[in-house]
């Protein structure tokens, strides 16, 4: 999976909420839905998007399906951030200098 798919998956606030609930630990779809004003079919669709983006994996126990965050799914996103890590410090320093000059 690439960072674009991860960004798309996490762009939706409800999907981010689902993902954050799964960060707490393994849950089934009903447990994920608790407290959210979202239908069960919508939760299933959000879980499917997160699974296809590689952020969540499912574990079947008989007829039951539990979901858990796949930490390896964030690797493309972390790699993307790493590419720009060297870029930002210099930019931030330039911005600080500019702000100091404007303040004077």
PDB file of N, CA and C in Angstrom:
ATOM      1  N   UNK A   1       0.841  -1.176   0.000  1.00  0.00           N
ATOM      2  CA  UNK A   1       0.000   0.000   0.000  1.00  0.00           C
ATOM      3  C   UNK A   1       0.889   1.243   0.000  1.00  0.00           C
ATOM      4  N   UNK A   2       0.372   2.332  -0.528  1.00  0.00           N
ATOM      5  CA  UNK A   2       1.161   3.561  -0.554  1.00  0.00           C
ATOM      6  C   UNK A   2       0.526   4.622   0.344  1.00  0.00           C
ATOM      7  N   UNK A   3       1.267   5.696   0.546  1.00  0.00           N
ATOM      8  CA  UNK A   3       0.815   6.744   1.472  1.00  0.00           C
ATOM      9  C   UNK A   3      -0.469   7.424   0.991  1.00  0.00           C
ATOM     10  N   UNK A   4      -0.694   7.479  -0.318  1.00  0.00           N
ATOM     11  CA  UNK A   4      -1.909   8.104  -0.833  1.00  0.00           C
ATOM     12  C   UNK A   4      -3.147   7.359  -0.349  1.00  0.00           C
ATOM     13  N   UNK A   5      -3.113   6.041  -0.408  1.00  0.00           N
ATOM     14  CA  UNK A   5      -4.248   5.237   0.054  1.00  0.00           C
ATOM     15  C   UNK A   5      -4.459   5.397   1.559  1.00  0.00           C
ATOM     16  N   UNK A   6      -3.379   5.518   2.286  1.00  0.00           N
ATOM     17  CA  UNK A   6      -3.480   5.701   3.738  1.00  0.00           C
ATOM     18  C   UNK A   6      -4.088   7.069   4.043  1.00  0.00           C
ATOM     19  N   UNK A   7      -3.619   8.106   3.356  1.00  0.00           N
ATOM     20  CA  UNK A   7      -4.189   9.445   3.557  1.00  0.00           C
ATOM     21  C   UNK A   7      -5.676   9.449   3.208  1.00  0.00           C
ATOM     22  N   UNK A   8      -6.038   8.812   2.104  1.00  0.00           N
ATOM     23  CA  UNK A   8      -7.449   8.749   1.716  1.00  0.00           C
ATOM     24  C   UNK A   8      -8.272   8.041   2.791  1.00  0.00           C
ATOM     25  N   UNK A   9      -7.754   6.945   3.297  1.00  0.00           N
ATOM     26  CA  UNK A   9      -8.488   6.181   4.306  1.00  0.00           C
ATOM     27  C   UNK A   9      -8.675   6.986   5.583  1.00  0.00           C
ATOM     28  N   UNK A  10      -7.654   7.727   5.973  1.00  0.00           N
ATOM     29  CA  UNK A  10      -7.716   8.468   7.233  1.00  0.00           C
ATOM     30  C   UNK A  10      -8.298   9.875   7.078  1.00  0.00           C
ATOM     31  N   UNK A  11      -8.615  10.270   5.850  1.00  0.00           N
ATOM     32  CA  UNK A  11      -9.168  11.603   5.627  1.00  0.00           C
ATOM     33  C   UNK A  11     -10.573  11.736   6.212  1.00  0.00           C
ATOM     34  N   UNK A  12     -11.291  10.651   6.270  1.00  0.00           N
ATOM     35  CA  UNK A  12     -12.660  10.679   6.782  1.00  0.00           C
ATOM     36  C   UNK A  12     -12.644  10.668   8.312  1.00  0.00           C
ATOM     37  N   UNK A  13     -13.319  11.615   8.968  1.00  0.00           N
ATOM     38  CA  UNK A  13     -13.286  11.691  10.433  1.00  0.00           C
ATOM     39  C   UNK A  13     -13.844  10.446  11.130  1.00  0.00           C
ATOM     40  N   UNK A  14     -14.864   9.839  10.535  1.00  0.00           N
ATOM     41  CA  UNK A  14     -15.414   8.627  11.148  1.00  0.00           C
ATOM     42  C   UNK A  14     -14.416   7.490  11.065  1.00  0.00           C
ATOM     43  N   UNK A  15     -13.742   7.361   9.921  1.00  0.00           N
ATOM     44  CA  UNK A  15     -12.726   6.302   9.785  1.00  0.00           C
ATOM     45  C   UNK A  15     -11.579   6.527  10.760  1.00  0.00           C
ATOM     46  N   UNK A  16     -11.192   7.798  10.955  1.00  0.00           N
ATOM     47  CA  UNK A  16     -10.145   8.079  11.937  1.00  0.00           C
ATOM     48  C   UNK A  16     -10.603   7.653  13.326  1.00  0.00           C
ATOM     49  N   UNK A  17     -11.859   7.909  13.646  1.00  0.00           N
ATOM     50  CA  UNK A  17     -12.399   7.506  14.956  1.00  0.00           C
ATOM     51  C   UNK A  17     -12.384   5.982  15.087  1.00  0.00           C
ATOM     52  N   UNK A  18     -12.754   5.289  14.029  1.00  0.00           N
ATOM     53  CA  UNK A  18     -12.719   3.817  14.038  1.00  0.00           C
ATOM     54  C   UNK A  18     -11.290   3.338  14.242  1.00  0.00           C
ATOM     55  N   UNK A  19     -10.363   3.929  13.490  1.00  0.00           N
ATOM     56  CA  UNK A  19      -8.952   3.547  13.610  1.00  0.00           C
ATOM     57  C   UNK A  19      -8.446   3.781  15.032  1.00  0.00           C
ATOM     58  N   UNK A  20      -8.781   4.937  15.601  1.00  0.00           N
ATOM     59  CA  UNK A  20      -8.323   5.260  16.951  1.00  0.00           C
ATOM     60  C   UNK A  20      -8.901   4.301  17.982  1.00  0.00           C
ATOM     61  N   UNK A  21     -10.126   3.846  17.786  1.00  0.00           N
ATOM     62  CA  UNK A  21     -10.704   2.862  18.701  1.00  0.00           C
ATOM     63  C   UNK A  21      -9.952   1.541  18.620  1.00  0.00           C
ATOM     64  N   UNK A  22      -9.527   1.197  17.414  1.00  0.00           N
ATOM     65  CA  UNK A  22      -8.801  -0.057  17.250  1.00  0.00           C
ATOM     66  C   UNK A  22      -7.371   0.031  17.767  1.00  0.00           C
ATOM     67  N   UNK A  23      -6.839   1.246  17.856  1.00  0.00           N
ATOM     68  CA  UNK A  23      -5.509   1.414  18.458  1.00  0.00           C
ATOM     69  C   UNK A  23      -5.541   0.945  19.913  1.00  0.00           C
ATOM     70  N   UNK A  24      -6.713   1.121  20.549  1.00  0.00           N
ATOM     71  CA  UNK A  24      -6.875   0.707  21.947  1.00  0.00           C
ATOM     72  C   UNK A  24      -6.819  -0.805  22.111  1.00  0.00           C
ATOM     73  N   UNK A  25      -7.110  -1.548  21.052  1.00  0.00           N
ATOM     74  CA  UNK A  25      -7.077  -3.001  21.123  1.00  0.00           C
ATOM     75  C   UNK A  25      -8.086  -3.630  20.186  1.00  0.00           C
ATOM     76  N   UNK A  26      -8.025  -4.924  20.086  1.00  0.00           N
ATOM     77  CA  UNK A  26      -8.874  -5.689  19.179  1.00  0.00           C
ATOM     78  C   UNK A  26     -10.346  -5.562  19.569  1.00  0.00           C
ATOM     79  N   UNK A  27     -11.192  -5.352  18.554  1.00  0.00           N
ATOM     80  CA  UNK A  27     -12.632  -5.199  18.783  1.00  0.00           C
ATOM     81  C   UNK A  27     -13.398  -5.797  17.612  1.00  0.00           C
ATOM     82  N   UNK A  28     -14.637  -6.190  17.867  1.00  0.00           N
ATOM     83  CA  UNK A  28     -15.501  -6.575  16.757  1.00  0.00           C
ATOM     84  C   UNK A  28     -16.227  -5.320  16.269  1.00  0.00           C
ATOM     85  N   UNK A  29     -16.953  -5.442  15.173  1.00  0.00           N
ATOM     86  CA  UNK A  29     -17.589  -4.267  14.565  1.00  0.00           C
ATOM     87  C   UNK A  29     -18.600  -3.621  15.500  1.00  0.00           C
ATOM     88  N   UNK A  30     -19.303  -4.432  16.282  1.00  0.00           N
ATOM     89  CA  UNK A  30     -20.285  -3.879  17.221  1.00  0.00           C
ATOM     90  C   UNK A  30     -19.592  -3.036  18.293  1.00  0.00           C
ATOM     91  N   UNK A  31     -18.467  -3.517  18.799  1.00  0.00           N
ATOM     92  CA  UNK A  31     -17.718  -2.764  19.804  1.00  0.00           C
ATOM     93  C   UNK A  31     -17.155  -1.479  19.215  1.00  0.00           C
ATOM     94  N   UNK A  32     -16.717  -1.534  17.966  1.00  0.00           N
ATOM     95  CA  UNK A  32     -16.191  -0.334  17.299  1.00  0.00           C
ATOM     96  C   UNK A  32     -17.294   0.706  17.168  1.00  0.00           C
ATOM     97  N   UNK A  33     -18.503   0.270  16.890  1.00  0.00           N
ATOM     98  CA  UNK A  33     -19.643   1.166  16.638  1.00  0.00           C
ATOM     99  C   UNK A  33     -20.156   1.843  17.901  1.00  0.00           C
ATOM    100  N   UNK A  34     -19.934   1.244  19.059  1.00  0.00           N
ATOM    101  CA  UNK A  34     -20.478   1.785  20.305  1.00  0.00           C
ATOM    102  C   UNK A  34     -20.114   3.255  20.481  1.00  0.00           C
ATOM    103  N   UNK A  35     -21.158   4.071  20.712  1.00  0.00           N
ATOM    104  CA  UNK A  35     -20.945   5.490  20.954  1.00  0.00           C
ATOM    105  C   UNK A  35     -20.837   6.340  19.699  1.00  0.00           C
ATOM    106  N   UNK A  36     -20.809   5.706  18.546  1.00  0.00           N
ATOM    107  CA  UNK A  36     -20.758   6.451  17.282  1.00  0.00           C
ATOM    108  C   UNK A  36     -22.151   6.500  16.684  1.00  0.00           C
ATOM    109  N   UNK A  37     -22.501   7.610  16.082  1.00  0.00           N
ATOM    110  CA  UNK A  37     -23.794   7.749  15.432  1.00  0.00           C
ATOM    111  C   UNK A  37     -23.671   7.295  13.979  1.00  0.00           C
ATOM    112  N   UNK A  38     -23.362   6.001  13.818  1.00  0.00           N
ATOM    113  CA  UNK A  38     -23.118   5.425  12.500  1.00  0.00           C
ATOM    114  C   UNK A  38     -23.786   4.049  12.460  1.00  0.00           C
ATOM    115  N   UNK A  39     -24.360   3.713  11.327  1.00  0.00           N
ATOM    116  CA  UNK A  39     -25.020   2.412  11.194  1.00  0.00           C
ATOM    117  C   UNK A  39     -23.985   1.279  11.144  1.00  0.00           C
ATOM    118  N   UNK A  40     -24.446   0.084  11.423  1.00  0.00           N
ATOM    119  CA  UNK A  40     -23.556  -1.083  11.366  1.00  0.00           C
ATOM    120  C   UNK A  40     -23.002  -1.299   9.951  1.00  0.00           C
ATOM    121  N   UNK A  41     -23.850  -1.165   8.901  1.00  0.00           N
ATOM    122  CA  UNK A  41     -23.292  -1.308   7.549  1.00  0.00           C
ATOM    123  C   UNK A  41     -22.216  -0.258   7.243  1.00  0.00           C
ATOM    124  N   UNK A  42     -22.402   0.975   7.732  1.00  0.00           N
ATOM    125  CA  UNK A  42     -21.396   2.021   7.498  1.00  0.00           C
ATOM    126  C   UNK A  42     -20.096   1.676   8.212  1.00  0.00           C
ATOM    127  N   UNK A  43     -20.190   1.156   9.437  1.00  0.00           N
ATOM    128  CA  UNK A  43     -18.979   0.732  10.167  1.00  0.00           C
ATOM    129  C   UNK A  43     -18.255  -0.340   9.373  1.00  0.00           C
ATOM    130  N   UNK A  44     -19.007  -1.292   8.838  1.00  0.00           N
ATOM    131  CA  UNK A  44     -18.395  -2.357   8.030  1.00  0.00           C
ATOM    132  C   UNK A  44     -17.682  -1.786   6.814  1.00  0.00           C
ATOM    133  N   UNK A  45     -18.299  -0.778   6.183  1.00  0.00           N
ATOM    134  CA  UNK A  45     -17.652  -0.147   5.024  1.00  0.00           C
ATOM    135  C   UNK A  45     -16.374   0.579   5.434  1.00  0.00           C
ATOM    136  N   UNK A  46     -16.410   1.278   6.556  1.00  0.00           N
ATOM    137  CA  UNK A  46     -15.209   1.966   7.039  1.00  0.00           C
ATOM    138  C   UNK A  46     -14.102   0.965   7.363  1.00  0.00           C
ATOM    139  N   UNK A  47     -14.469  -0.135   7.983  1.00  0.00           N
ATOM    140  CA  UNK A  47     -13.477  -1.169   8.302  1.00  0.00           C
ATOM    141  C   UNK A  47     -12.877  -1.762   7.032  1.00  0.00           C
ATOM    142  N   UNK A  48     -13.701  -1.925   6.002  1.00  0.00           N
ATOM    143  CA  UNK A  48     -13.207  -2.442   4.726  1.00  0.00           C
ATOM    144  C   UNK A  48     -12.188  -1.491   4.111  1.00  0.00           C
ATOM    145  N   UNK A  49     -12.484  -0.199   4.134  1.00  0.00           N
ATOM    146  CA  UNK A  49     -11.547   0.797   3.581  1.00  0.00           C
ATOM    147  C   UNK A  49     -10.234   0.755   4.359  1.00  0.00           C
ATOM    148  N   UNK A  50     -10.316   0.716   5.687  1.00  0.00           N
ATOM    149  CA  UNK A  50      -9.104   0.668   6.510  1.00  0.00           C
ATOM    150  C   UNK A  50      -8.323  -0.615   6.256  1.00  0.00           C
ATOM    151  N   UNK A  51      -9.031  -1.718   6.065  1.00  0.00           N
ATOM    152  CA  UNK A  51      -8.362  -2.998   5.801  1.00  0.00           C
ATOM    153  C   UNK A  51      -7.669  -2.964   4.440  1.00  0.00           C
ATOM    154  N   UNK A  52      -8.354  -2.437   3.424  1.00  0.00           N
ATOM    155  CA  UNK A  52      -7.758  -2.360   2.083  1.00  0.00           C
ATOM    156  C   UNK A  52      -6.557  -1.420   2.045  1.00  0.00           C
ATOM    157  N   UNK A  53      -6.552  -0.422   2.919  1.00  0.00           N
ATOM    158  CA  UNK A  53      -5.410   0.501   2.999  1.00  0.00           C
ATOM    159  C   UNK A  53      -4.256  -0.116   3.790  1.00  0.00           C
ATOM    160  N   UNK A  54      -4.489  -1.293   4.358  1.00  0.00           N
ATOM    161  CA  UNK A  54      -3.432  -1.974   5.107  1.00  0.00           C
ATOM    162  C   UNK A  54      -3.293  -1.497   6.539  1.00  0.00           C
ATOM    163  N   UNK A  55      -4.251  -0.717   7.018  1.00  0.00           N
ATOM    164  CA  UNK A  55      -4.161  -0.160   8.366  1.00  0.00           C
ATOM    165  C   UNK A  55      -4.776  -1.063   9.423  1.00  0.00           C
ATOM    166  N   UNK A  56      -5.658  -1.942   8.999  1.00  0.00           N
ATOM    167  CA  UNK A  56      -6.384  -2.814   9.916  1.00  0.00           C
ATOM    168  C   UNK A  56      -6.366  -4.224   9.350  1.00  0.00           C
ATOM    169  N   UNK A  57      -6.284  -5.182  10.230  1.00  0.00           N
ATOM    170  CA  UNK A  57      -6.425  -6.567   9.779  1.00  0.00           C
ATOM    171  C   UNK A  57      -7.533  -7.219  10.584  1.00  0.00           C
ATOM    172  N   UNK A  58      -8.088  -8.272  10.016  1.00  0.00           N
ATOM    173  CA  UNK A  58      -9.177  -8.962  10.693  1.00  0.00           C
ATOM    174  C   UNK A  58      -8.723 -10.342  11.140  1.00  0.00           C
ATOM    175  N   UNK A  59      -9.353 -10.791  12.227  1.00  0.00           N
ATOM    176  CA  UNK A  59      -9.060 -12.122  12.749  1.00  0.00           C
ATOM    177  C   UNK A  59     -10.398 -12.811  12.960  1.00  0.00           C
ATOM    178  N   UNK A  60     -10.570 -13.916  12.245  1.00  0.00           N
ATOM    179  CA  UNK A  60     -11.825 -14.653  12.326  1.00  0.00           C
ATOM    180  C   UNK A  60     -11.734 -15.718  13.413  1.00  0.00           C
ATOM    181  N   UNK A  61     -12.803 -15.746  14.212  1.00  0.00           N
ATOM    182  CA  UNK A  61     -12.937 -16.761  15.255  1.00  0.00           C
ATOM    183  C   UNK A  61     -14.314 -17.379  15.041  1.00  0.00           C
ATOM    184  N   UNK A  62     -14.348 -18.470  14.308  1.00  0.00           N
ATOM    185  CA  UNK A  62     -15.632 -19.049  13.933  1.00  0.00           C
ATOM    186  C   UNK A  62     -16.382 -18.092  13.036  1.00  0.00           C
ATOM    187  N   UNK A  63     -17.602 -17.729  13.443  1.00  0.00           N
ATOM    188  CA  UNK A  63     -18.412 -16.791  12.660  1.00  0.00           C
ATOM    189  C   UNK A  63     -18.088 -15.338  12.997  1.00  0.00           C
ATOM    190  N   UNK A  64     -17.335 -15.117  14.039  1.00  0.00           N
ATOM    191  CA  UNK A  64     -17.055 -13.765  14.518  1.00  0.00           C
ATOM    192  C   UNK A  64     -15.774 -13.222  13.898  1.00  0.00           C
ATOM    193  N   UNK A  65     -15.796 -11.916  13.664  1.00  0.00           N
ATOM    194  CA  UNK A  65     -14.626 -11.240  13.097  1.00  0.00           C
ATOM    195  C   UNK A  65     -14.217 -10.123  14.050  1.00  0.00           C
ATOM    196  N   UNK A  66     -12.955 -10.143  14.424  1.00  0.00           N
ATOM    197  CA  UNK A  66     -12.384  -9.064  15.241  1.00  0.00           C
ATOM    198  C   UNK A  66     -11.406  -8.290  14.379  1.00  0.00           C
ATOM    199  N   UNK A  67     -11.271  -7.013  14.709  1.00  0.00           N
ATOM    200  CA  UNK A  67     -10.392  -6.123  13.952  1.00  0.00           C
ATOM    201  C   UNK A  67      -9.332  -5.553  14.880  1.00  0.00           C
ATOM    202  N   UNK A  68      -8.158  -5.361  14.329  1.00  0.00           N
ATOM    203  CA  UNK A  68      -7.048  -4.795  15.091  1.00  0.00           C
ATOM    204  C   UNK A  68      -6.182  -3.970  14.142  1.00  0.00           C
ATOM    205  N   UNK A  69      -5.553  -2.939  14.677  1.00  0.00           N
ATOM    206  CA  UNK A  69      -4.650  -2.114  13.876  1.00  0.00           C
ATOM    207  C   UNK A  69      -3.434  -2.947  13.472  1.00  0.00           C
ATOM    208  N   UNK A  70      -3.045  -2.804  12.222  1.00  0.00           N
ATOM    209  CA  UNK A  70      -1.812  -3.428  11.741  1.00  0.00           C
ATOM    210  C   UNK A  70      -0.734  -2.358  11.753  1.00  0.00           C
ATOM    211  N   UNK A  71       0.168  -2.383  12.737  1.00  0.00           N
ATOM    212  CA  UNK A  71       1.177  -1.321  12.832  1.00  0.00           C
ATOM    213  C   UNK A  71       2.053  -1.206  11.588  1.00  0.00           C
ATOM    214  N   UNK A  72       2.239  -2.308  10.873  1.00  0.00           N
ATOM    215  CA  UNK A  72       3.032  -2.252   9.646  1.00  0.00           C
ATOM    216  C   UNK A  72       2.330  -1.441   8.564  1.00  0.00           C
ATOM    217  N   UNK A  73       1.030  -1.258   8.696  1.00  0.00           N
ATOM    218  CA  UNK A  73       0.283  -0.488   7.710  1.00  0.00           C
ATOM    219  C   UNK A  73       0.667   0.974   7.679  1.00  0.00           C
ATOM    220  N   UNK A  74       1.229   1.467   8.767  1.00  0.00           N
ATOM    221  CA  UNK A  74       1.645   2.868   8.821  1.00  0.00           C
ATOM    222  C   UNK A  74       3.037   3.105   8.232  1.00  0.00           C
ATOM    223  N   UNK A  75       3.750   2.042   7.906  1.00  0.00           N
ATOM    224  CA  UNK A  75       5.122   2.172   7.398  1.00  0.00           C
ATOM    225  C   UNK A  75       5.226   3.071   6.165  1.00  0.00           C
ATOM    226  N   UNK A  76       4.367   2.927   5.155  1.00  0.00           N
ATOM    227  CA  UNK A  76       4.485   3.841   4.001  1.00  0.00           C
ATOM    228  C   UNK A  76       4.309   5.304   4.386  1.00  0.00           C
ATOM    229  N   UNK A  77       3.438   5.561   5.334  1.00  0.00           N
ATOM    230  CA  UNK A  77       3.212   6.927   5.790  1.00  0.00           C
ATOM    231  C   UNK A  77       4.440   7.460   6.524  1.00  0.00           C
ATOM    232  N   UNK A  78       5.025   6.639   7.371  1.00  0.00           N
ATOM    233  CA  UNK A  78       6.241   7.037   8.091  1.00  0.00           C
ATOM    234  C   UNK A  78       7.400   7.267   7.125  1.00  0.00           C
ATOM    235  N   UNK A  79       7.498   6.418   6.102  1.00  0.00           N
ATOM    236  CA  UNK A  79       8.543   6.598   5.083  1.00  0.00           C
ATOM    237  C   UNK A  79       8.345   7.926   4.349  1.00  0.00           C
ATOM    238  N   UNK A  80       7.087   8.264   4.065  1.00  0.00           N
ATOM    239  CA  UNK A  80       6.778   9.515   3.390  1.00  0.00           C
ATOM    240  C   UNK A  80       7.217  10.698   4.241  1.00  0.00           C
ATOM    241  N   UNK A  81       6.902  10.657   5.537  1.00  0.00           N
ATOM    242  CA  UNK A  81       7.322  11.723   6.448  1.00  0.00           C
ATOM    243  C   UNK A  81       8.841  11.814   6.529  1.00  0.00           C
ATOM    244  N   UNK A  82       9.513  10.684   6.549  1.00  0.00           N
ATOM    245  CA  UNK A  82      10.979  10.677   6.627  1.00  0.00           C
ATOM    246  C   UNK A  82      11.616  11.386   5.437  1.00  0.00           C
ATOM    247  N   UNK A  83      11.011  11.249   4.255  1.00  0.00           N
ATOM    248  CA  UNK A  83      11.565  11.918   3.062  1.00  0.00           C
ATOM    249  C   UNK A  83      11.579  13.425   3.233  1.00  0.00           C
ATOM    250  N   UNK A  84      10.635  13.959   4.003  1.00  0.00           N
ATOM    251  CA  UNK A  84      10.518  15.403   4.165  1.00  0.00           C
ATOM    252  C   UNK A  84      11.081  15.923   5.478  1.00  0.00           C
ATOM    253  N   UNK A  85      11.516  15.016   6.320  1.00  0.00           N
ATOM    254  CA  UNK A  85      12.038  15.406   7.629  1.00  0.00           C
ATOM    255  C   UNK A  85      13.215  16.372   7.502  1.00  0.00           C
ATOM    256  N   UNK A  86      14.092  16.168   6.551  1.00  0.00           N
ATOM    257  CA  UNK A  86      15.251  17.047   6.372  1.00  0.00           C
ATOM    258  C   UNK A  86      14.846  18.406   5.802  1.00  0.00           C
ATOM    259  N   UNK A  87      13.723  18.451   5.139  1.00  0.00           N
ATOM    260  CA  UNK A  87      13.250  19.668   4.509  1.00  0.00           C
ATOM    261  C   UNK A  87      12.715  20.669   5.530  1.00  0.00           C
ATOM    262  N   UNK A  88      11.979  20.220   6.523  1.00  0.00           N
ATOM    263  CA  UNK A  88      11.261  21.109   7.419  1.00  0.00           C
ATOM    264  C   UNK A  88      12.114  21.924   8.384  1.00  0.00           C
ATOM    265  N   UNK A  89      13.154  21.395   9.013  1.00  0.00           N
ATOM    266  CA  UNK A  89      13.906  22.237   9.957  1.00  0.00           C
ATOM    267  C   UNK A  89      14.430  23.530   9.341  1.00  0.00           C
ATOM    268  N   UNK A  90      14.970  23.451   8.136  1.00  0.00           N
ATOM    269  CA  UNK A  90      15.487  24.658   7.485  1.00  0.00           C
ATOM    270  C   UNK A  90      14.350  25.640   7.189  1.00  0.00           C
ATOM    271  N   UNK A  91      13.221  25.131   6.759  1.00  0.00           N
ATOM    272  CA  UNK A  91      12.065  25.990   6.468  1.00  0.00           C
ATOM    273  C   UNK A  91      11.546  26.664   7.734  1.00  0.00           C
ATOM    274  N   UNK A  92      11.503  25.918   8.809  1.00  0.00           N
ATOM    275  CA  UNK A  92      11.021  26.468  10.074  1.00  0.00           C
ATOM    276  C   UNK A  92      11.964  27.552  10.571  1.00  0.00           C
ATOM    277  N   UNK A  93      13.256  27.330  10.429  1.00  0.00           N
ATOM    278  CA  UNK A  93      14.229  28.350  10.839  1.00  0.00           C
ATOM    279  C   UNK A  93      14.061  29.617  10.012  1.00  0.00           C
ATOM    280  N   UNK A  94      13.837  29.469   8.714  1.00  0.00           N
ATOM    281  CA  UNK A  94      13.610  30.639   7.854  1.00  0.00           C
ATOM    282  C   UNK A  94      12.346  31.375   8.264  1.00  0.00           C
ATOM    283  N   UNK A  95      11.313  30.612   8.616  1.00  0.00           N
ATOM    284  CA  UNK A  95      10.066  31.221   9.063  1.00  0.00           C
ATOM    285  C   UNK A  95      10.269  31.972  10.374  1.00  0.00           C
ATOM    286  N   UNK A  96      11.009  31.400  11.297  1.00  0.00           N
ATOM    287  CA  UNK A  96      11.296  32.083  12.567  1.00  0.00           C
ATOM    288  C   UNK A  96      12.032  33.391  12.315  1.00  0.00           C
ATOM    289  N   UNK A  97      13.012  33.353  11.421  1.00  0.00           N
ATOM    290  CA  UNK A  97      13.779  34.555  11.086  1.00  0.00           C
ATOM    291  C   UNK A  97      12.861  35.618  10.472  1.00  0.00           C
ATOM    292  N   UNK A  98      12.016  35.191   9.562  1.00  0.00           N
ATOM    293  CA  UNK A  98      11.092  36.122   8.925  1.00  0.00           C
ATOM    294  C   UNK A  98      10.145  36.744   9.958  1.00  0.00           C
ATOM    295  N   UNK A  99       9.624  35.931  10.853  1.00  0.00           N
ATOM    296  CA  UNK A  99       8.709  36.441  11.880  1.00  0.00           C
ATOM    297  C   UNK A  99       9.409  37.424  12.814  1.00  0.00           C
ATOM    298  N   UNK A 100      10.661  37.141  13.138  1.00  0.00           N
ATOM    299  CA  UNK A 100      11.429  38.081  13.991  1.00  0.00           C
ATOM    300  C   UNK A 100      11.625  39.410  13.257  1.00  0.00           C
ATOM    301  N   UNK A 101      11.942  39.340  11.970  1.00  0.00           N
ATOM    302  CA  UNK A 101      12.143  40.561  11.181  1.00  0.00           C
ATOM    303  C   UNK A 101      10.850  41.357  11.076  1.00  0.00           C
ATOM    304  N   UNK A 102       9.737  40.671  10.913  1.00  0.00           N
ATOM    305  CA  UNK A 102       8.440  41.365  10.817  1.00  0.00           C
ATOM    306  C   UNK A 102       8.033  41.973  12.150  1.00  0.00           C
ATOM    307  N   UNK A 103       8.465  41.351  13.230  1.00  0.00           N
ATOM    308  CA  UNK A 103       8.113  41.830  14.567  1.00  0.00           C
ATOM    309  C   UNK A 103       8.866  43.105  14.934  1.00  0.00           C
ATOM    310  N   UNK A 104       9.983  43.358  14.298  1.00  0.00           N
ATOM    311  CA  UNK A 104      10.799  44.524  14.654  1.00  0.00           C
ATOM    312  C   UNK A 104      10.340  45.778  14.017  1.00  0.00           C
TER     313      UNK A 104
END
